[in-house]
Amino acid sequence: MCGVGHPYVLLSAAVSLDGHLDDAGPARLLLSNDEDFDRVDALRAESDAILVGAGTIRADNPRLTVRSPQRRAERVARGLPEHPVKVALSGGGELDPGLNFWHHGGAKLVYSTSAGTAKLRPSLAGLAEVVDLGEPGAGAGVELGAVLHDLAGRGVRRLMVEGGGRVHTAFLAAGLADELVLAVAPVLVGDERAARFLYPAGYPAGRLRLVEVRAVGDMALLRYVLSTR
C-alpha cells in the first residue's frame, strides 16, 4: 500500500471504451475533447510533479506543461514554479534529447538504472537531472518505491502519473496509487496492437471505491479512491 512518506499518487488517463490509450497508427489518437484537456490542465496545475514512462515520451512527444496562463500565474502567486517538475522513468536509457519533454516547462528528473544512467547523463546534460537507482532485480524495471521515496525527499507531495499503460500497470500492481481518474471516450479502437491502459499483472484483490461519475462533454469521467489518504 502507499507509504506515509510517499507523495499522494494520482493516476490519470483518457481511454477508449475498449481500454486503449491510442490506436496502432503513426499519428496519435486524440481521445480527449477540449473540456477534458482543460480538466487535465487543472490537475497538472494542482500537482507538484508529473510522471511518465519513456515509452510515452517516445510515442507522444509530449510537453506536459500547464497550458493556462492564469493557472501558471496562480502557482507563482502560491510560491510555486510555473510548471510542476516533470519526471521520466527509463530503465534502458533510450531517450532522445531533442524531444519536447526536455525543452518546455521547468525542472526535469529522470530515474534510471545504472546502465541507463551511463547513457542518459551525457545526452541529457543541462536538460535534466538523472537519478541512478542502481540495477533492478531480475526482470524488474525502475523501482517505483525508490522513485516515490526520492520524490518525497525533494518536497513532492502530490504526483500525477500520466502513463503509459506499463507505468499505470506497475503503480496499480504495486499498490502505490492513491487515486485513479479515467476519462472514457466514446471510441472503439479494436486493434490488439494498440497500447492498452492496463496489462496483465498481479493486482491487489478487492473492489475499487468509485467516488465520482460525471460527463465531460461526450466523455464519461470515473474517479476511484484507492487508499485512505
C-alpha atoms as a PDB file:
ATOM      1  CA  MET A   1       0.000   0.000   0.000  1.00  0.00           C
ATOM      2  CA  CYS A   2       1.018   3.638  -0.350  1.00  0.00           C
ATOM      3  CA  GLY A   3       3.575   4.703   2.209  1.00  0.00           C
ATOM      4  CA  VAL A   4       3.129   7.657   4.530  1.00  0.00           C
ATOM      5  CA  GLY A   5       6.457   9.040   3.295  1.00  0.00           C
ATOM      6  CA  HIS A   6       5.380   8.870  -0.344  1.00  0.00           C
ATOM      7  CA  PRO A   7       3.684  11.598  -2.382  1.00  0.00           C
ATOM      8  CA  TYR A   8      -0.055  11.305  -2.958  1.00  0.00           C
ATOM      9  CA  VAL A   9      -0.186   9.453  -6.296  1.00  0.00           C
ATOM     10  CA  LEU A  10      -2.958  10.198  -8.788  1.00  0.00           C
ATOM     11  CA  LEU A  11      -3.155   8.107 -11.962  1.00  0.00           C
ATOM     12  CA  SER A  12      -4.771   9.934 -14.880  1.00  0.00           C
ATOM     13  CA  ALA A  13      -5.669   8.551 -18.303  1.00  0.00           C
ATOM     14  CA  ALA A  14      -8.008   9.007 -21.237  1.00  0.00           C
ATOM     15  CA  VAL A  15      -9.112   5.626 -22.619  1.00  0.00           C
ATOM     16  CA  SER A  16     -11.313   4.217 -25.342  1.00  0.00           C
ATOM     17  CA  LEU A  17     -14.366   2.159 -24.459  1.00  0.00           C
ATOM     18  CA  ASP A  18     -12.320  -0.978 -25.111  1.00  0.00           C
ATOM     19  CA  GLY A  19      -9.464   0.086 -22.851  1.00  0.00           C
ATOM     20  CA  HIS A  20      -6.882   1.556 -25.205  1.00  0.00           C
ATOM     21  CA  LEU A  21      -4.748   4.693 -24.811  1.00  0.00           C
ATOM     22  CA  ASP A  22      -4.134   5.037 -28.539  1.00  0.00           C
ATOM     23  CA  ASP A  23      -4.583   3.173 -31.796  1.00  0.00           C
ATOM     24  CA  ALA A  24      -1.772   1.479 -33.723  1.00  0.00           C
ATOM     25  CA  GLY A  25      -1.427   4.173 -36.388  1.00  0.00           C
ATOM     26  CA  PRO A  26       1.550   6.519 -36.825  1.00  0.00           C
ATOM     27  CA  ALA A  27      -0.351   9.600 -35.595  1.00  0.00           C
ATOM     28  CA  ARG A  28      -1.537   9.918 -32.008  1.00  0.00           C
ATOM     29  CA  LEU A  29      -5.247   9.235 -31.486  1.00  0.00           C
ATOM     30  CA  LEU A  30      -6.741  12.146 -29.542  1.00  0.00           C
ATOM     31  CA  LEU A  31      -9.296  10.605 -27.211  1.00  0.00           C
ATOM     32  CA  SER A  32      -9.926  13.717 -25.081  1.00  0.00           C
ATOM     33  CA  ASN A  33     -12.139  16.635 -26.064  1.00  0.00           C
ATOM     34  CA  ASP A  34     -11.406  20.310 -25.301  1.00  0.00           C
ATOM     35  CA  GLU A  35     -13.252  20.177 -21.970  1.00  0.00           C
ATOM     36  CA  ASP A  36     -11.242  17.165 -20.867  1.00  0.00           C
ATOM     37  CA  PHE A  37      -7.930  18.713 -21.934  1.00  0.00           C
ATOM     38  CA  ASP A  38      -8.782  21.692 -19.710  1.00  0.00           C
ATOM     39  CA  ARG A  39      -9.675  19.364 -16.812  1.00  0.00           C
ATOM     40  CA  VAL A  40      -6.301  17.640 -17.147  1.00  0.00           C
ATOM     41  CA  ASP A  41      -4.563  21.019 -17.266  1.00  0.00           C
ATOM     42  CA  ALA A  42      -6.209  21.883 -13.922  1.00  0.00           C
ATOM     43  CA  LEU A  43      -4.961  18.598 -12.415  1.00  0.00           C
ATOM     44  CA  ARG A  44      -1.444  19.366 -13.619  1.00  0.00           C
ATOM     45  CA  ALA A  45      -1.614  22.812 -12.056  1.00  0.00           C
ATOM     46  CA  GLU A  46      -2.550  21.218  -8.705  1.00  0.00           C
ATOM     47  CA  SER A  47       0.388  18.783  -8.820  1.00  0.00           C
ATOM     48  CA  ASP A  48       3.966  19.118  -7.628  1.00  0.00           C
ATOM     49  CA  ALA A  49       5.252  16.684 -10.269  1.00  0.00           C
ATOM     50  CA  ILE A  50       4.047  14.836 -13.376  1.00  0.00           C
ATOM     51  CA  LEU A  51       5.440  11.387 -14.188  1.00  0.00           C
ATOM     52  CA  VAL A  52       5.508   9.411 -17.435  1.00  0.00           C
ATOM     53  CA  GLY A  53       7.405   6.445 -18.800  1.00  0.00           C
ATOM     54  CA  ALA A  54       9.988   6.559 -21.564  1.00  0.00           C
ATOM     55  CA  GLY A  55       7.592   4.850 -23.987  1.00  0.00           C
ATOM     56  CA  THR A  56       5.092   7.691 -23.664  1.00  0.00           C
ATOM     57  CA  ILE A  57       7.788  10.293 -24.260  1.00  0.00           C
ATOM     58  CA  ARG A  58       8.958   8.488 -27.408  1.00  0.00           C
ATOM     59  CA  ALA A  59       5.460   7.756 -28.758  1.00  0.00           C
ATOM     60  CA  ASP A  60       3.640  11.015 -27.972  1.00  0.00           C
ATOM     61  CA  ASN A  61       6.473  13.585 -27.756  1.00  0.00           C
ATOM     62  CA  PRO A  62       4.503  15.487 -25.054  1.00  0.00           C
ATOM     63  CA  ARG A  63       5.336  18.820 -23.447  1.00  0.00           C
ATOM     64  CA  LEU A  64       3.452  18.055 -20.184  1.00  0.00           C
ATOM     65  CA  THR A  65       3.170  21.670 -19.115  1.00  0.00           C
ATOM     66  CA  VAL A  66       0.414  23.781 -17.562  1.00  0.00           C
ATOM     67  CA  ARG A  67      -1.177  25.449 -20.574  1.00  0.00           C
ATOM     68  CA  SER A  68      -3.373  28.040 -18.878  1.00  0.00           C
ATOM     69  CA  PRO A  69      -1.568  31.361 -18.190  1.00  0.00           C
ATOM     70  CA  GLN A  70      -3.991  32.005 -15.321  1.00  0.00           C
ATOM     71  CA  ARG A  71      -3.163  28.680 -13.662  1.00  0.00           C
ATOM     72  CA  ARG A  72       0.555  29.304 -14.088  1.00  0.00           C
ATOM     73  CA  ALA A  73       0.163  32.741 -12.503  1.00  0.00           C
ATOM     74  CA  GLU A  74      -1.793  31.236  -9.605  1.00  0.00           C
ATOM     75  CA  ARG A  75       1.011  28.726  -8.999  1.00  0.00           C
ATOM     76  CA  VAL A  76       3.583  31.528  -8.909  1.00  0.00           C
ATOM     77  CA  ALA A  77       1.381  33.506  -6.511  1.00  0.00           C
ATOM     78  CA  ARG A  78       1.440  30.487  -4.167  1.00  0.00           C
ATOM     79  CA  GLY A  79       5.228  30.449  -4.265  1.00  0.00           C
ATOM     80  CA  LEU A  80       5.451  27.534  -6.709  1.00  0.00           C
ATOM     81  CA  PRO A  81       7.229  27.324 -10.074  1.00  0.00           C
ATOM     82  CA  GLU A  82       5.037  27.929 -13.126  1.00  0.00           C
ATOM     83  CA  HIS A  83       5.076  24.240 -14.029  1.00  0.00           C
ATOM     84  CA  PRO A  84       5.298  21.046 -11.973  1.00  0.00           C
ATOM     85  CA  VAL A  85       8.532  19.067 -12.031  1.00  0.00           C
ATOM     86  CA  LYS A  86       8.496  16.631 -14.963  1.00  0.00           C
ATOM     87  CA  VAL A  87       9.597  13.090 -14.116  1.00  0.00           C
ATOM     88  CA  ALA A  88      10.567  10.339 -16.555  1.00  0.00           C
ATOM     89  CA  LEU A  89      11.230   6.650 -15.956  1.00  0.00           C
ATOM     90  CA  SER A  90      13.723   4.955 -18.263  1.00  0.00           C
ATOM     91  CA  GLY A  91      15.254   1.596 -17.474  1.00  0.00           C
ATOM     92  CA  GLY A  92      17.316   1.353 -20.657  1.00  0.00           C
ATOM     93  CA  GLY A  93      18.276   4.994 -21.101  1.00  0.00           C
ATOM     94  CA  GLU A  94      16.922   5.304 -24.646  1.00  0.00           C
ATOM     95  CA  LEU A  95      15.599   8.875 -24.688  1.00  0.00           C
ATOM     96  CA  ASP A  96      16.164  11.409 -27.465  1.00  0.00           C
ATOM     97  CA  PRO A  97      17.371  14.779 -26.059  1.00  0.00           C
ATOM     98  CA  GLY A  98      15.632  16.577 -28.935  1.00  0.00           C
ATOM     99  CA  LEU A  99      12.093  15.674 -27.803  1.00  0.00           C
ATOM    100  CA  ASN A 100       9.636  18.282 -26.485  1.00  0.00           C
ATOM    101  CA  PHE A 101       9.727  16.897 -22.938  1.00  0.00           C
ATOM    102  CA  TRP A 102      13.200  18.349 -22.303  1.00  0.00           C
ATOM    103  CA  HIS A 103      12.657  21.798 -23.835  1.00  0.00           C
ATOM    104  CA  HIS A 104       9.419  23.034 -22.249  1.00  0.00           C
ATOM    105  CA  GLY A 105       8.336  23.667 -18.681  1.00  0.00           C
ATOM    106  CA  GLY A 106      10.597  23.762 -15.668  1.00  0.00           C
ATOM    107  CA  ALA A 107      12.724  21.202 -13.849  1.00  0.00           C
ATOM    108  CA  LYS A 108      13.093  17.656 -15.191  1.00  0.00           C
ATOM    109  CA  LEU A 109      14.108  14.437 -13.419  1.00  0.00           C
ATOM    110  CA  VAL A 110      14.883  11.045 -14.929  1.00  0.00           C
ATOM    111  CA  TYR A 111      15.055   7.870 -12.844  1.00  0.00           C
ATOM    112  CA  SER A 112      17.024   5.045 -14.393  1.00  0.00           C
ATOM    113  CA  THR A 113      19.194   2.006 -13.774  1.00  0.00           C
ATOM    114  CA  SER A 114      22.965   2.264 -13.588  1.00  0.00           C
ATOM    115  CA  ALA A 115      23.261   1.125 -17.211  1.00  0.00           C
ATOM    116  CA  GLY A 116      20.628   3.626 -18.322  1.00  0.00           C
ATOM    117  CA  THR A 117      22.219   6.423 -16.322  1.00  0.00           C
ATOM    118  CA  ALA A 118      25.525   5.908 -18.141  1.00  0.00           C
ATOM    119  CA  LYS A 119      23.721   6.707 -21.411  1.00  0.00           C
ATOM    120  CA  LEU A 120      21.450   9.462 -20.152  1.00  0.00           C
ATOM    121  CA  ARG A 121      23.822  11.689 -18.204  1.00  0.00           C
ATOM    122  CA  PRO A 122      25.925  12.657 -21.247  1.00  0.00           C
ATOM    123  CA  SER A 123      22.957  13.031 -23.609  1.00  0.00           C
ATOM    124  CA  LEU A 124      20.752  14.993 -21.185  1.00  0.00           C
ATOM    125  CA  ALA A 125      23.474  17.181 -19.667  1.00  0.00           C
ATOM    126  CA  GLY A 126      21.977  20.616 -18.989  1.00  0.00           C
ATOM    127  CA  LEU A 127      18.456  19.341 -19.718  1.00  0.00           C
ATOM    128  CA  ALA A 128      17.580  17.079 -16.785  1.00  0.00           C
ATOM    129  CA  GLU A 129      18.894  15.606 -13.560  1.00  0.00           C
ATOM    130  CA  VAL A 130      19.409  11.856 -13.947  1.00  0.00           C
ATOM    131  CA  VAL A 131      18.999   9.771 -10.781  1.00  0.00           C
ATOM    132  CA  ASP A 132      20.744   6.389 -10.669  1.00  0.00           C
ATOM    133  CA  LEU A 133      18.639   3.846  -8.775  1.00  0.00           C
ATOM    134  CA  GLY A 134      21.097   1.013  -9.337  1.00  0.00           C
ATOM    135  CA  GLU A 135      20.474  -2.245 -11.112  1.00  0.00           C
ATOM    136  CA  PRO A 136      16.983  -3.739 -10.637  1.00  0.00           C
ATOM    137  CA  GLY A 137      16.184  -7.281  -9.620  1.00  0.00           C
ATOM    138  CA  ALA A 138      15.742  -9.944 -12.277  1.00  0.00           C
ATOM    139  CA  GLY A 139      13.051  -8.947 -14.744  1.00  0.00           C
ATOM    140  CA  ALA A 140      12.288  -5.675 -12.953  1.00  0.00           C
ATOM    141  CA  GLY A 141      12.412  -2.123 -14.270  1.00  0.00           C
ATOM    142  CA  VAL A 142      12.888   1.113 -12.352  1.00  0.00           C
ATOM    143  CA  GLU A 143      11.864   0.505  -8.727  1.00  0.00           C
ATOM    144  CA  LEU A 144       8.809   2.685  -8.069  1.00  0.00           C
ATOM    145  CA  GLY A 145       9.101   2.685  -4.292  1.00  0.00           C
ATOM    146  CA  ALA A 146      12.582   4.189  -4.573  1.00  0.00           C
ATOM    147  CA  VAL A 147      11.287   6.786  -7.021  1.00  0.00           C
ATOM    148  CA  LEU A 148       8.499   7.856  -4.644  1.00  0.00           C
ATOM    149  CA  HIS A 149      10.874   7.961  -1.675  1.00  0.00           C
ATOM    150  CA  ASP A 150      13.280  10.215  -3.574  1.00  0.00           C
ATOM    151  CA  LEU A 151      10.485  12.497  -4.807  1.00  0.00           C
ATOM    152  CA  ALA A 152       9.170  12.880  -1.251  1.00  0.00           C
ATOM    153  CA  GLY A 153      12.646  13.920  -0.156  1.00  0.00           C
ATOM    154  CA  ARG A 154      12.554  16.635  -2.824  1.00  0.00           C
ATOM    155  CA  GLY A 155       9.320  18.067  -1.437  1.00  0.00           C
ATOM    156  CA  VAL A 156       6.899  16.457  -3.905  1.00  0.00           C
ATOM    157  CA  ARG A 157       3.632  15.925  -2.045  1.00  0.00           C
ATOM    158  CA  ARG A 158       1.278  15.336  -4.979  1.00  0.00           C
ATOM    159  CA  LEU A 159       2.358  13.291  -8.006  1.00  0.00           C
ATOM    160  CA  MET A 160       0.281  12.985 -11.178  1.00  0.00           C
ATOM    161  CA  VAL A 161       1.051   9.906 -13.301  1.00  0.00           C
ATOM    162  CA  GLU A 162       0.056  10.288 -16.952  1.00  0.00           C
ATOM    163  CA  GLY A 163       1.201   6.976 -18.400  1.00  0.00           C
ATOM    164  CA  GLY A 164       1.726   4.960 -20.324  1.00  0.00           C
ATOM    165  CA  GLY A 165      -0.029   1.677 -19.777  1.00  0.00           C
ATOM    166  CA  ARG A 166       3.003  -0.188 -18.446  1.00  0.00           C
ATOM    167  CA  VAL A 167       3.573   2.562 -15.876  1.00  0.00           C
ATOM    168  CA  HIS A 168      -0.094   2.611 -14.796  1.00  0.00           C
ATOM    169  CA  THR A 169       0.014  -1.172 -14.529  1.00  0.00           C
ATOM    170  CA  ALA A 170       3.157  -1.068 -12.372  1.00  0.00           C
ATOM    171  CA  PHE A 171       1.736   1.508  -9.947  1.00  0.00           C
ATOM    172  CA  LEU A 172      -1.552  -0.354  -9.529  1.00  0.00           C
ATOM    173  CA  ALA A 173       0.056  -3.783  -9.221  1.00  0.00           C
ATOM    174  CA  ALA A 174       2.433  -2.469  -6.539  1.00  0.00           C
ATOM    175  CA  GLY A 175      -0.408  -0.811  -4.590  1.00  0.00           C
ATOM    176  CA  LEU A 176       1.284   2.573  -4.930  1.00  0.00           C
ATOM    177  CA  ALA A 177      -1.640   4.626  -6.265  1.00  0.00           C
ATOM    178  CA  ASP A 178      -3.988   6.677  -4.073  1.00  0.00           C
ATOM    179  CA  GLU A 179      -6.437   7.758  -6.757  1.00  0.00           C
ATOM    180  CA  LEU A 180      -7.399   6.799 -10.304  1.00  0.00           C
ATOM    181  CA  VAL A 181      -9.139   9.176 -12.700  1.00  0.00           C
ATOM    182  CA  LEU A 182     -10.308   7.777 -16.040  1.00  0.00           C
ATOM    183  CA  ALA A 183     -11.859   9.776 -18.853  1.00  0.00           C
ATOM    184  CA  VAL A 184     -13.629   7.288 -21.116  1.00  0.00           C
ATOM    185  CA  ALA A 185     -14.073   8.380 -24.729  1.00  0.00           C
ATOM    186  CA  PRO A 186     -16.945   7.134 -26.933  1.00  0.00           C
ATOM    187  CA  VAL A 187     -14.431   5.468 -29.248  1.00  0.00           C
ATOM    188  CA  LEU A 188     -13.688   1.821 -30.065  1.00  0.00           C
ATOM    189  CA  VAL A 189     -10.130   1.034 -31.189  1.00  0.00           C
ATOM    190  CA  GLY A 190     -10.431  -2.713 -31.730  1.00  0.00           C
ATOM    191  CA  ASP A 191      -6.753  -3.355 -32.512  1.00  0.00           C
ATOM    192  CA  GLU A 192      -4.768  -5.770 -30.352  1.00  0.00           C
ATOM    193  CA  ARG A 193      -1.552  -3.978 -31.383  1.00  0.00           C
ATOM    194  CA  ALA A 194      -2.734  -0.709 -29.815  1.00  0.00           C
ATOM    195  CA  ALA A 195      -1.398   0.468 -26.458  1.00  0.00           C
ATOM    196  CA  ARG A 196      -3.609  -0.519 -23.538  1.00  0.00           C
ATOM    197  CA  PHE A 197      -4.396   1.334 -20.341  1.00  0.00           C
ATOM    198  CA  LEU A 198      -3.609  -1.789 -18.259  1.00  0.00           C
ATOM    199  CA  TYR A 199      -1.841  -5.081 -18.877  1.00  0.00           C
ATOM    200  CA  PRO A 200      -1.973  -8.452 -17.074  1.00  0.00           C
ATOM    201  CA  ALA A 201      -0.413  -8.191 -13.603  1.00  0.00           C
ATOM    202  CA  GLY A 202      -0.811  -9.345 -10.028  1.00  0.00           C
ATOM    203  CA  TYR A 203      -3.182  -6.605  -8.895  1.00  0.00           C
ATOM    204  CA  PRO A 204      -4.349  -6.328  -5.265  1.00  0.00           C
ATOM    205  CA  ALA A 205      -7.634  -8.134  -4.691  1.00  0.00           C
ATOM    206  CA  GLY A 206     -10.886  -6.323  -3.965  1.00  0.00           C
ATOM    207  CA  ARG A 207     -13.211  -3.763  -5.488  1.00  0.00           C
ATOM    208  CA  LEU A 208     -12.136  -0.195  -6.163  1.00  0.00           C
ATOM    209  CA  ARG A 209     -14.158   2.574  -4.496  1.00  0.00           C
ATOM    210  CA  LEU A 210     -15.950   4.770  -7.038  1.00  0.00           C
ATOM    211  CA  VAL A 211     -16.440   8.294  -5.671  1.00  0.00           C
ATOM    212  CA  GLU A 212     -17.398  10.341  -8.726  1.00  0.00           C
ATOM    213  CA  VAL A 213     -19.079   9.861 -12.100  1.00  0.00           C
ATOM    214  CA  ARG A 214     -19.859  12.771 -14.424  1.00  0.00           C
ATOM    215  CA  ALA A 215     -19.997  13.776 -18.048  1.00  0.00           C
ATOM    216  CA  VAL A 216     -17.149  15.799 -19.545  1.00  0.00           C
ATOM    217  CA  GLY A 217     -18.559  16.781 -22.893  1.00  0.00           C
ATOM    218  CA  ASP A 218     -19.154  13.479 -24.675  1.00  0.00           C
ATOM    219  CA  MET A 219     -16.813  11.601 -22.301  1.00  0.00           C
ATOM    220  CA  ALA A 220     -17.505   9.839 -19.008  1.00  0.00           C
ATOM    221  CA  LEU A 221     -15.269  10.713 -16.063  1.00  0.00           C
ATOM    222  CA  LEU A 222     -14.761   7.984 -13.452  1.00  0.00           C
ATOM    223  CA  ARG A 223     -12.858   8.716 -10.234  1.00  0.00           C
ATOM    224  CA  TYR A 224     -11.757   5.950  -7.872  1.00  0.00           C
ATOM    225  CA  VAL A 225     -10.121   6.278  -4.457  1.00  0.00           C
ATOM    226  CA  LEU A 226      -7.591   3.518  -3.782  1.00  0.00           C
ATOM    227  CA  SER A 227      -6.247   4.402  -0.336  1.00  0.00           C
ATOM    228  CA  THR A 228      -7.313   6.052   2.909  1.00  0.00           C
ATOM    229  CA  ARG A 229      -5.037   9.057   2.432  1.00  0.00           C
END
